[in-house]
Amino acid sequence: MARRINQVTPGGFDPNRNPAITDTAMCRYLWHHYVHVIRLGERYLQQPSRGTAQQTLWNQLVRHVDRNYTIPTGVLTGSLDGWEGRNVAHVIALIGYDADLVNAIYPVVMHSVRYTEPADTMAGYKGGKFKIWLPGWRMWQAINGEPNNSNNTQCLLRSDL
């Protein structure tokens, strides 16, 4: 069993400051931050990945966290802790995992996913926690549980990193 947590997330992006901020804007922000602000070059892709399959997302989560990066993702809040069933479009960052990593051929079995919750009570979040562990199936439900979830997008690293 592997358990990894990313401790570093680039600062400065506050989705609570402007509730109209989308996951696409988040990907562009990350791209700009790495290229123009901290000048480390292109890390995240400028355009988000859309409609990712569950196994692909779990594989990406392992790749990102093991390289000390997060995966910003769009979700619907109904499956997340602290939202009391309220189901609104939202952006969070996946920062860790607890999984059985069998090998490159067999799928990752994702037991739980750690994420950061940037919302506060004014946005409707009542949980009071910033970093939260959630069972893998509930995270997938938040990301892809609703039919026609147009918020199922992720900001991903370039494939050669």
Foldseek 3Di string as FASTA:
>chain_A
DDKFFQPDEDDDDACVVPVVDAQLNVLLVVQCCCCPPVNVHGWWDNGWDADDDLQVVVVQQCVQQVVRHKKWFWFFCQLPPQQVRHTDIDIKIWTMFDWDCPDPPDTIGTQKTKIADNDDVVVRGGRPDGIDIDGSVSVCCGQPVDPPPRRNIITGTDPVD
